[in-house]
Amino acid sequence: MEQELNGSETGWWIVSQESKLWLPKGELPFGTASAWSLQGLTATLIGEWEGSPAWLVRHAMPRDMGSVRQIIDGDAGLFQLAGRGVQLAEFYRSHRYCGYCGHKMRVSNREWACLCDHCRERYYPQIAPCIIVAIRRGDDILLAQHTRHRGGIYTVLAGFAEVGETLEQTVAREVMEETRIKVKNVRYVTSQPWPFPHSLMMAFMAEYADGDIIPDRNEILDAGWYRYDALPLLPPPGTVARRLIEDTVALCRAERESDDPHATLHS
């Protein structure tokens, strides 16, 4: 439920507008509303972190508005809450009017939804499901440099699920489209909310089955097989991509040491 801040409220402040996040001094603000000059603005309680409430304030500050990516290396729980706030703020901003009848809508007091009192439609935040997959071939892992990435980072493959697909089918299709190889033994690992802009990453591991790498140049700048102990520049810690790579490296090391008990002495 939205409420006007009187200044005495305390907690974490997720101040967001147009997919931007307020990060004074590069951090998510914590403390009283008055300490951050937020009194008089409207806020919504969206969660809790370390015993303190997390508030969403849908407002653009005159300075220090940045991306939620700036806190991705911090605590995963706080990053998740900030991502929730940014996505909710954008959802409310983009659903001020009903897509069916065009009338103005209002924010629900009971759930994260927008309501149309004219035609009785109800809108919820939409989440785009996508897969991310680490592909292993013996001691090697398939890594690619994507056109959307900067700084020379190599990572695993990812893509959005399409209508009528299972997630396993999405894995097979995306890998084939981006690199022309086939995979097998696809298995689920974990998931991560990914607010860029409103995705849910579902992570998998798979094994190489067949084919030679032929990158889709519309998506991939470069792709290749990299030995687990000779990897290029990787995504930052805290991302599900980095976890998949590290999990694959751990599997390779474990199998290598199992085959050769003296392998760690040689490395």
C-alpha atoms as a PDB file:
ATOM      1  CA  MET A   1       0.000   0.000   0.000  1.00  0.00           C
ATOM      2  CA  GLU A   2       1.294   3.444  -0.920  1.00  0.00           C
ATOM      3  CA  GLN A   3       1.752   6.005   1.823  1.00  0.00           C
ATOM      4  CA  GLU A   4       3.040   9.552   2.098  1.00  0.00           C
ATOM      5  CA  LEU A   5       6.336   9.747   3.973  1.00  0.00           C
ATOM      6  CA  ASN A   6       6.379  11.931   7.080  1.00  0.00           C
ATOM      7  CA  GLY A   7      10.139  11.635   7.497  1.00  0.00           C
ATOM      8  CA  SER A   8      10.284   9.260  10.466  1.00  0.00           C
ATOM      9  CA  GLU A   9      10.160   6.073   8.387  1.00  0.00           C
ATOM     10  CA  THR A  10      13.404   4.139   8.257  1.00  0.00           C
ATOM     11  CA  GLY A  11      14.909   1.415   6.090  1.00  0.00           C
ATOM     12  CA  TRP A  12      16.421   0.897   2.654  1.00  0.00           C
ATOM     13  CA  TRP A  13      15.337   3.391   0.004  1.00  0.00           C
ATOM     14  CA  ILE A  14      14.872   2.173  -3.557  1.00  0.00           C
ATOM     15  CA  VAL A  15      14.217   5.395  -5.438  1.00  0.00           C
ATOM     16  CA  SER A  16      13.603   4.624  -9.089  1.00  0.00           C
ATOM     17  CA  GLN A  17      12.245   6.134 -12.289  1.00  0.00           C
ATOM     18  CA  GLU A  18      12.573   5.101 -15.948  1.00  0.00           C
ATOM     19  CA  SER A  19      14.612   2.001 -15.009  1.00  0.00           C
ATOM     20  CA  LYS A  20      17.178   4.120 -13.139  1.00  0.00           C
ATOM     21  CA  LEU A  21      18.109   3.736  -9.490  1.00  0.00           C
ATOM     22  CA  TRP A  22      19.174   6.441  -7.043  1.00  0.00           C
ATOM     23  CA  LEU A  23      22.638   5.584  -5.730  1.00  0.00           C
ATOM     24  CA  PRO A  24      24.110   8.465  -3.712  1.00  0.00           C
ATOM     25  CA  LYS A  25      27.800   7.737  -3.117  1.00  0.00           C
ATOM     26  CA  GLY A  26      27.323   4.655  -5.306  1.00  0.00           C
ATOM     27  CA  GLU A  27      25.255   2.830  -2.675  1.00  0.00           C
ATOM     28  CA  LEU A  28      21.637   2.119  -1.885  1.00  0.00           C
ATOM     29  CA  PRO A  29      20.597   4.692   0.761  1.00  0.00           C
ATOM     30  CA  PHE A  30      19.699   3.508   4.267  1.00  0.00           C
ATOM     31  CA  GLY A  31      18.296   5.434   7.219  1.00  0.00           C
ATOM     32  CA  THR A  32      15.333   7.686   7.882  1.00  0.00           C
ATOM     33  CA  ALA A  33      13.291   9.308   5.143  1.00  0.00           C
ATOM     34  CA  SER A  34      14.128  12.745   6.502  1.00  0.00           C
ATOM     35  CA  ALA A  35      17.862  12.012   6.425  1.00  0.00           C
ATOM     36  CA  TRP A  36      17.547  11.585   2.666  1.00  0.00           C
ATOM     37  CA  SER A  37      15.019  14.416   2.183  1.00  0.00           C
ATOM     38  CA  LEU A  38      12.302  12.000   1.085  1.00  0.00           C
ATOM     39  CA  GLN A  39       9.517  13.326   3.317  1.00  0.00           C
ATOM     40  CA  GLY A  40       6.413  14.271   1.378  1.00  0.00           C
ATOM     41  CA  LEU A  41       7.033  11.674  -1.329  1.00  0.00           C
ATOM     42  CA  THR A  42       4.952   8.528  -1.725  1.00  0.00           C
ATOM     43  CA  ALA A  43       6.479   5.135  -0.869  1.00  0.00           C
ATOM     44  CA  THR A  44       5.492   1.476  -1.015  1.00  0.00           C
ATOM     45  CA  LEU A  45       6.845  -1.249   1.256  1.00  0.00           C
ATOM     46  CA  ILE A  46       8.210  -3.987  -1.036  1.00  0.00           C
ATOM     47  CA  GLY A  47      10.269  -6.206   1.255  1.00  0.00           C
ATOM     48  CA  GLU A  48      12.757  -6.465   4.083  1.00  0.00           C
ATOM     49  CA  TRP A  49      16.515  -6.823   4.349  1.00  0.00           C
ATOM     50  CA  GLU A  50      18.458  -7.632   7.521  1.00  0.00           C
ATOM     51  CA  GLY A  51      15.479  -6.750   9.697  1.00  0.00           C
ATOM     52  CA  SER A  52      14.845  -3.362   8.074  1.00  0.00           C
ATOM     53  CA  PRO A  53      12.060  -2.525   5.606  1.00  0.00           C
ATOM     54  CA  ALA A  54      12.752  -1.781   1.961  1.00  0.00           C
ATOM     55  CA  TRP A  55      10.746   1.068   0.449  1.00  0.00           C
ATOM     56  CA  LEU A  56      10.063   1.854  -3.181  1.00  0.00           C
ATOM     57  CA  VAL A  57       9.821   5.543  -4.050  1.00  0.00           C
ATOM     58  CA  ARG A  58       8.831   6.178  -7.658  1.00  0.00           C
ATOM     59  CA  HIS A  59      10.661   9.411  -8.224  1.00  0.00           C
ATOM     60  CA  ALA A  60      13.556  10.774 -10.279  1.00  0.00           C
ATOM     61  CA  MET A  61      16.249  12.485  -8.229  1.00  0.00           C
ATOM     62  CA  PRO A  62      18.176  15.387  -9.799  1.00  0.00           C
ATOM     63  CA  ARG A  63      21.514  13.563  -9.491  1.00  0.00           C
ATOM     64  CA  ASP A  64      23.120  10.190  -8.783  1.00  0.00           C
ATOM     65  CA  MET A  65      20.588   8.209 -10.834  1.00  0.00           C
ATOM     66  CA  GLY A  66      22.340   5.109 -12.180  1.00  0.00           C
ATOM     67  CA  SER A  67      21.861   1.462 -13.016  1.00  0.00           C
ATOM     68  CA  VAL A  68      21.099  -1.367 -10.630  1.00  0.00           C
ATOM     69  CA  ARG A  69      24.119  -3.045 -12.235  1.00  0.00           C
ATOM     70  CA  GLN A  70      26.280  -0.796 -10.056  1.00  0.00           C
ATOM     71  CA  ILE A  71      25.417  -2.859  -6.964  1.00  0.00           C
ATOM     72  CA  ILE A  72      25.547  -6.298  -8.572  1.00  0.00           C
ATOM     73  CA  ASP A  73      28.828  -7.089  -6.801  1.00  0.00           C
ATOM     74  CA  GLY A  74      27.252  -6.414  -3.394  1.00  0.00           C
ATOM     75  CA  ASP A  75      24.960  -8.580  -1.338  1.00  0.00           C
ATOM     76  CA  ALA A  76      22.757 -10.785  -3.519  1.00  0.00           C
ATOM     77  CA  GLY A  77      19.665 -10.246  -1.374  1.00  0.00           C
ATOM     78  CA  LEU A  78      19.907  -6.476  -1.492  1.00  0.00           C
ATOM     79  CA  PHE A  79      20.564  -6.541  -5.245  1.00  0.00           C
ATOM     80  CA  GLN A  80      17.447  -8.677  -5.671  1.00  0.00           C
ATOM     81  CA  LEU A  81      15.344  -6.219  -3.671  1.00  0.00           C
ATOM     82  CA  ALA A  82      16.687  -3.268  -5.655  1.00  0.00           C
ATOM     83  CA  GLY A  83      15.938  -5.118  -8.881  1.00  0.00           C
ATOM     84  CA  ARG A  84      12.394  -5.771  -7.691  1.00  0.00           C
ATOM     85  CA  GLY A  85      11.927  -2.079  -6.979  1.00  0.00           C
ATOM     86  CA  VAL A  86      13.263  -0.944 -10.343  1.00  0.00           C
ATOM     87  CA  GLN A  87      11.007  -3.411 -12.160  1.00  0.00           C
ATOM     88  CA  LEU A  88       7.922  -2.435 -10.160  1.00  0.00           C
ATOM     89  CA  ALA A  89       8.571   1.268 -10.727  1.00  0.00           C
ATOM     90  CA  GLU A  90       8.808   0.718 -14.469  1.00  0.00           C
ATOM     91  CA  PHE A  91       5.705  -1.503 -14.447  1.00  0.00           C
ATOM     92  CA  TYR A  92       3.629   1.186 -12.743  1.00  0.00           C
ATOM     93  CA  ARG A  93       5.018   3.881 -15.055  1.00  0.00           C
ATOM     94  CA  SER A  94       4.130   1.900 -18.181  1.00  0.00           C
ATOM     95  CA  HIS A  95       0.650   0.910 -17.004  1.00  0.00           C
ATOM     96  CA  ARG A  96      -0.931   4.257 -16.215  1.00  0.00           C
ATOM     97  CA  TYR A  97      -3.605   3.619 -18.838  1.00  0.00           C
ATOM     98  CA  CYS A  98      -5.514   0.443 -19.673  1.00  0.00           C
ATOM     99  CA  GLY A  99      -4.378  -1.306 -22.837  1.00  0.00           C
ATOM    100  CA  TYR A 100      -7.928  -2.521 -23.516  1.00  0.00           C
ATOM    101  CA  CYS A 101     -10.120   0.551 -23.026  1.00  0.00           C
ATOM    102  CA  GLY A 102      -7.616   3.398 -22.601  1.00  0.00           C
ATOM    103  CA  HIS A 103      -8.932   4.598 -19.252  1.00  0.00           C
ATOM    104  CA  LYS A 104      -6.629   5.641 -16.441  1.00  0.00           C
ATOM    105  CA  MET A 105      -5.696   2.877 -14.017  1.00  0.00           C
ATOM    106  CA  ARG A 106      -4.899   2.791 -10.323  1.00  0.00           C
ATOM    107  CA  VAL A 107      -2.392   0.826  -8.252  1.00  0.00           C
ATOM    108  CA  SER A 108      -3.839  -2.058  -6.234  1.00  0.00           C
ATOM    109  CA  ASN A 109      -3.642  -1.752  -2.449  1.00  0.00           C
ATOM    110  CA  ARG A 110      -3.469  -5.518  -1.958  1.00  0.00           C
ATOM    111  CA  GLU A 111      -1.012  -6.824  -4.551  1.00  0.00           C
ATOM    112  CA  TRP A 112       1.487  -5.724  -7.177  1.00  0.00           C
ATOM    113  CA  ALA A 113      -1.028  -4.971  -9.874  1.00  0.00           C
ATOM    114  CA  CYS A 114      -2.691  -2.145 -11.784  1.00  0.00           C
ATOM    115  CA  LEU A 115      -6.485  -2.053 -11.947  1.00  0.00           C
ATOM    116  CA  CYS A 116      -8.883  -0.546 -14.470  1.00  0.00           C
ATOM    117  CA  ASP A 117     -12.146   0.470 -12.822  1.00  0.00           C
ATOM    118  CA  HIS A 118     -13.795   1.001 -16.218  1.00  0.00           C
ATOM    119  CA  CYS A 119     -13.434  -2.440 -17.855  1.00  0.00           C
ATOM    120  CA  ARG A 120     -12.267  -4.357 -14.752  1.00  0.00           C
ATOM    121  CA  GLU A 121      -9.002  -5.501 -16.337  1.00  0.00           C
ATOM    122  CA  ARG A 122      -6.160  -6.357 -13.983  1.00  0.00           C
ATOM    123  CA  TYR A 123      -2.489  -6.153 -14.985  1.00  0.00           C
ATOM    124  CA  TYR A 124       0.461  -7.823 -13.252  1.00  0.00           C
ATOM    125  CA  PRO A 125       4.199  -7.284 -13.800  1.00  0.00           C
ATOM    126  CA  GLN A 126       5.329  -9.558 -16.607  1.00  0.00           C
ATOM    127  CA  ILE A 127       8.518 -11.580 -16.331  1.00  0.00           C
ATOM    128  CA  ALA A 128      10.441 -12.766 -19.392  1.00  0.00           C
ATOM    129  CA  PRO A 129      11.828 -16.290 -18.815  1.00  0.00           C
ATOM    130  CA  CYS A 130      15.265 -16.897 -20.265  1.00  0.00           C
ATOM    131  CA  ILE A 131      17.859 -19.645 -20.109  1.00  0.00           C
ATOM    132  CA  ILE A 132      21.592 -19.469 -19.572  1.00  0.00           C
ATOM    133  CA  VAL A 133      23.710 -22.548 -20.136  1.00  0.00           C
ATOM    134  CA  ALA A 134      27.286 -23.716 -19.591  1.00  0.00           C
ATOM    135  CA  ILE A 135      28.359 -26.313 -22.180  1.00  0.00           C
ATOM    136  CA  ARG A 136      31.210 -28.662 -21.397  1.00  0.00           C
ATOM    137  CA  ARG A 137      33.348 -30.810 -23.672  1.00  0.00           C
ATOM    138  CA  GLY A 138      35.864 -32.767 -21.624  1.00  0.00           C
ATOM    139  CA  ASP A 139      38.220 -30.241 -20.024  1.00  0.00           C
ATOM    140  CA  ASP A 140      36.791 -27.387 -22.113  1.00  0.00           C
ATOM    141  CA  ILE A 141      33.890 -24.988 -21.691  1.00  0.00           C
ATOM    142  CA  LEU A 142      32.198 -23.085 -24.502  1.00  0.00           C
ATOM    143  CA  LEU A 143      32.512 -19.321 -23.970  1.00  0.00           C
ATOM    144  CA  ALA A 144      31.450 -16.479 -26.225  1.00  0.00           C
ATOM    145  CA  GLN A 145      31.883 -12.751 -26.522  1.00  0.00           C
ATOM    146  CA  HIS A 146      28.462 -11.261 -27.200  1.00  0.00           C
ATOM    147  CA  THR A 147      27.820  -8.170 -29.283  1.00  0.00           C
ATOM    148  CA  ARG A 148      25.973  -6.549 -26.339  1.00  0.00           C
ATOM    149  CA  HIS A 149      28.899  -6.963 -23.939  1.00  0.00           C
ATOM    150  CA  ARG A 150      31.708  -4.484 -23.445  1.00  0.00           C
ATOM    151  CA  GLY A 151      35.247  -4.858 -22.171  1.00  0.00           C
ATOM    152  CA  GLY A 152      36.117  -8.164 -23.800  1.00  0.00           C
ATOM    153  CA  ILE A 153      34.124 -10.367 -21.408  1.00  0.00           C
ATOM    154  CA  TYR A 154      33.529 -13.970 -22.428  1.00  0.00           C
ATOM    155  CA  THR A 155      30.546 -15.771 -20.980  1.00  0.00           C
ATOM    156  CA  VAL A 156      28.151 -18.652 -21.461  1.00  0.00           C
ATOM    157  CA  LEU A 157      25.220 -18.669 -23.885  1.00  0.00           C
ATOM    158  CA  ALA A 158      21.779 -17.326 -23.034  1.00  0.00           C
ATOM    159  CA  GLY A 159      18.467 -16.527 -24.664  1.00  0.00           C
ATOM    160  CA  PHE A 160      14.751 -15.992 -24.148  1.00  0.00           C
ATOM    161  CA  ALA A 161      12.153 -18.759 -24.116  1.00  0.00           C
ATOM    162  CA  GLU A 162       9.626 -18.610 -26.933  1.00  0.00           C
ATOM    163  CA  VAL A 163       5.923 -19.395 -26.907  1.00  0.00           C
ATOM    164  CA  GLY A 164       5.210 -23.124 -26.627  1.00  0.00           C
ATOM    165  CA  GLU A 165       8.747 -24.166 -25.633  1.00  0.00           C
ATOM    166  CA  THR A 166      10.020 -26.080 -22.647  1.00  0.00           C
ATOM    167  CA  LEU A 167      13.139 -24.636 -21.076  1.00  0.00           C
ATOM    168  CA  GLU A 168      15.147 -27.630 -22.284  1.00  0.00           C
ATOM    169  CA  GLN A 169      13.971 -26.950 -25.830  1.00  0.00           C
ATOM    170  CA  THR A 170      14.996 -23.308 -25.417  1.00  0.00           C
ATOM    171  CA  VAL A 171      18.498 -24.422 -24.405  1.00  0.00           C
ATOM    172  CA  ALA A 172      18.854 -26.632 -27.488  1.00  0.00           C
ATOM    173  CA  ARG A 173      17.455 -23.993 -29.854  1.00  0.00           C
ATOM    174  CA  GLU A 174      19.488 -21.066 -28.527  1.00  0.00           C
ATOM    175  CA  VAL A 175      22.746 -23.018 -28.591  1.00  0.00           C
ATOM    176  CA  MET A 176      22.046 -24.192 -32.134  1.00  0.00           C
ATOM    177  CA  GLU A 177      21.097 -20.695 -33.330  1.00  0.00           C
ATOM    178  CA  GLU A 178      24.111 -18.982 -31.786  1.00  0.00           C
ATOM    179  CA  THR A 179      26.859 -21.556 -32.376  1.00  0.00           C
ATOM    180  CA  ARG A 180      25.441 -24.360 -34.600  1.00  0.00           C
ATOM    181  CA  ILE A 181      26.320 -27.103 -32.126  1.00  0.00           C
ATOM    182  CA  LYS A 182      24.105 -29.703 -30.481  1.00  0.00           C
ATOM    183  CA  VAL A 183      23.988 -30.447 -26.753  1.00  0.00           C
ATOM    184  CA  LYS A 184      22.873 -33.336 -24.557  1.00  0.00           C
ATOM    185  CA  ASN A 185      22.271 -34.122 -20.866  1.00  0.00           C
ATOM    186  CA  VAL A 186      20.697 -30.727 -20.171  1.00  0.00           C
ATOM    187  CA  ARG A 187      20.145 -30.292 -16.426  1.00  0.00           C
ATOM    188  CA  TYR A 188      18.814 -27.468 -14.285  1.00  0.00           C
ATOM    189  CA  VAL A 189      21.138 -25.746 -11.797  1.00  0.00           C
ATOM    190  CA  THR A 190      19.589 -22.600 -10.294  1.00  0.00           C
ATOM    191  CA  SER A 191      17.770 -19.353 -11.099  1.00  0.00           C
ATOM    192  CA  GLN A 192      18.369 -15.634 -10.641  1.00  0.00           C
ATOM    193  CA  PRO A 193      16.031 -12.636 -10.977  1.00  0.00           C
ATOM    194  CA  TRP A 194      17.584 -10.431 -13.629  1.00  0.00           C
ATOM    195  CA  PRO A 195      16.129  -6.910 -13.830  1.00  0.00           C
ATOM    196  CA  PHE A 196      17.510  -6.052 -17.292  1.00  0.00           C
ATOM    197  CA  PRO A 197      14.787  -5.198 -17.901  1.00  0.00           C
ATOM    198  CA  HIS A 198      12.468  -7.834 -16.371  1.00  0.00           C
ATOM    199  CA  SER A 199      13.845 -11.348 -16.774  1.00  0.00           C
ATOM    200  CA  LEU A 200      14.160 -14.509 -14.747  1.00  0.00           C
ATOM    201  CA  MET A 201      17.378 -16.360 -15.595  1.00  0.00           C
ATOM    202  CA  MET A 202      17.117 -20.149 -15.359  1.00  0.00           C
ATOM    203  CA  ALA A 203      20.556 -21.704 -15.391  1.00  0.00           C
ATOM    204  CA  PHE A 204      21.495 -25.056 -16.914  1.00  0.00           C
ATOM    205  CA  MET A 205      24.540 -27.170 -17.564  1.00  0.00           C
ATOM    206  CA  ALA A 206      24.850 -29.320 -20.675  1.00  0.00           C
ATOM    207  CA  GLU A 207      27.341 -31.495 -22.503  1.00  0.00           C
ATOM    208  CA  TYR A 208      28.586 -31.145 -26.047  1.00  0.00           C
ATOM    209  CA  ALA A 209      26.987 -33.629 -28.457  1.00  0.00           C
ATOM    210  CA  ASP A 210      27.936 -32.715 -32.031  1.00  0.00           C
ATOM    211  CA  GLY A 211      28.948 -29.991 -34.468  1.00  0.00           C
ATOM    212  CA  ASP A 212      31.564 -27.318 -35.067  1.00  0.00           C
ATOM    213  CA  ILE A 213      31.215 -23.785 -33.709  1.00  0.00           C
ATOM    214  CA  ILE A 214      29.879 -21.344 -36.300  1.00  0.00           C
ATOM    215  CA  PRO A 215      28.974 -18.126 -34.453  1.00  0.00           C
ATOM    216  CA  ASP A 216      25.869 -16.161 -35.359  1.00  0.00           C
ATOM    217  CA  ARG A 217      27.538 -12.817 -36.131  1.00  0.00           C
ATOM    218  CA  ASN A 218      24.367 -10.912 -35.269  1.00  0.00           C
ATOM    219  CA  GLU A 219      24.703 -12.115 -31.670  1.00  0.00           C
ATOM    220  CA  ILE A 220      28.265 -13.367 -31.184  1.00  0.00           C
ATOM    221  CA  LEU A 221      31.563 -11.602 -31.858  1.00  0.00           C
ATOM    222  CA  ASP A 222      33.680 -14.630 -31.014  1.00  0.00           C
ATOM    223  CA  ALA A 223      33.189 -18.093 -29.519  1.00  0.00           C
ATOM    224  CA  GLY A 224      35.401 -21.039 -28.740  1.00  0.00           C
ATOM    225  CA  TRP A 225      36.354 -23.882 -26.421  1.00  0.00           C
ATOM    226  CA  TYR A 226      38.480 -22.862 -23.440  1.00  0.00           C
ATOM    227  CA  ARG A 227      40.293 -25.233 -21.122  1.00  0.00           C
ATOM    228  CA  TYR A 228      39.073 -24.891 -17.531  1.00  0.00           C
ATOM    229  CA  ASP A 229      42.459 -23.628 -16.290  1.00  0.00           C
ATOM    230  CA  ALA A 230      43.060 -21.172 -19.159  1.00  0.00           C
ATOM    231  CA  LEU A 231      39.979 -18.989 -19.245  1.00  0.00           C
ATOM    232  CA  PRO A 232      39.570 -15.496 -20.748  1.00  0.00           C
ATOM    233  CA  LEU A 233      38.059 -12.471 -18.978  1.00  0.00           C
ATOM    234  CA  LEU A 234      34.895 -13.648 -17.196  1.00  0.00           C
ATOM    235  CA  PRO A 235      31.639 -12.038 -15.952  1.00  0.00           C
ATOM    236  CA  PRO A 236      31.771 -10.523 -12.450  1.00  0.00           C
ATOM    237  CA  PRO A 237      31.117 -12.568  -9.294  1.00  0.00           C
ATOM    238  CA  GLY A 238      27.502 -12.507  -8.181  1.00  0.00           C
ATOM    239  CA  THR A 239      26.142 -13.305 -11.627  1.00  0.00           C
ATOM    240  CA  VAL A 240      24.615 -16.658 -12.454  1.00  0.00           C
ATOM    241  CA  ALA A 241      26.897 -16.803 -15.517  1.00  0.00           C
ATOM    242  CA  ARG A 242      29.965 -16.691 -13.284  1.00  0.00           C
ATOM    243  CA  ARG A 243      28.518 -19.394 -11.047  1.00  0.00           C
ATOM    244  CA  LEU A 244      27.927 -21.705 -14.022  1.00  0.00           C
ATOM    245  CA  ILE A 245      31.502 -21.210 -15.194  1.00  0.00           C
ATOM    246  CA  GLU A 246      32.918 -21.817 -11.711  1.00  0.00           C
ATOM    247  CA  ASP A 247      30.740 -24.919 -11.254  1.00  0.00           C
ATOM    248  CA  THR A 248      32.000 -26.280 -14.582  1.00  0.00           C
ATOM    249  CA  VAL A 249      35.608 -25.567 -13.608  1.00  0.00           C
ATOM    250  CA  ALA A 250      35.056 -27.399 -10.307  1.00  0.00           C
ATOM    251  CA  LEU A 251      33.682 -30.438 -12.154  1.00  0.00           C
ATOM    252  CA  CYS A 252      36.645 -30.475 -14.524  1.00  0.00           C
ATOM    253  CA  ARG A 253      39.133 -30.222 -11.655  1.00  0.00           C
ATOM    254  CA  ALA A 254      37.370 -32.933  -9.668  1.00  0.00           C
ATOM    255  CA  GLU A 255      37.406 -35.345 -12.606  1.00  0.00           C
ATOM    256  CA  ARG A 256      41.030 -34.526 -13.411  1.00  0.00           C
ATOM    257  CA  GLU A 257      42.085 -35.194  -9.813  1.00  0.00           C
ATOM    258  CA  SER A 258      40.042 -38.382  -9.747  1.00  0.00           C
ATOM    259  CA  ASP A 259      41.803 -39.638 -12.872  1.00  0.00           C
ATOM    260  CA  ASP A 260      45.214 -38.516 -11.605  1.00  0.00           C
ATOM    261  CA  PRO A 261      45.649 -38.224  -7.804  1.00  0.00           C
ATOM    262  CA  HIS A 262      48.864 -36.264  -8.413  1.00  0.00           C
ATOM    263  CA  ALA A 263      47.208 -33.725 -10.748  1.00  0.00           C
ATOM    264  CA  THR A 264      47.103 -30.969  -8.124  1.00  0.00           C
ATOM    265  CA  LEU A 265      50.835 -31.393  -7.562  1.00  0.00           C
ATOM    266  CA  HIS A 266      51.488 -31.000 -11.267  1.00  0.00           C
ATOM    267  CA  SER A 267      49.300 -27.914 -11.717  1.00  0.00           C
END
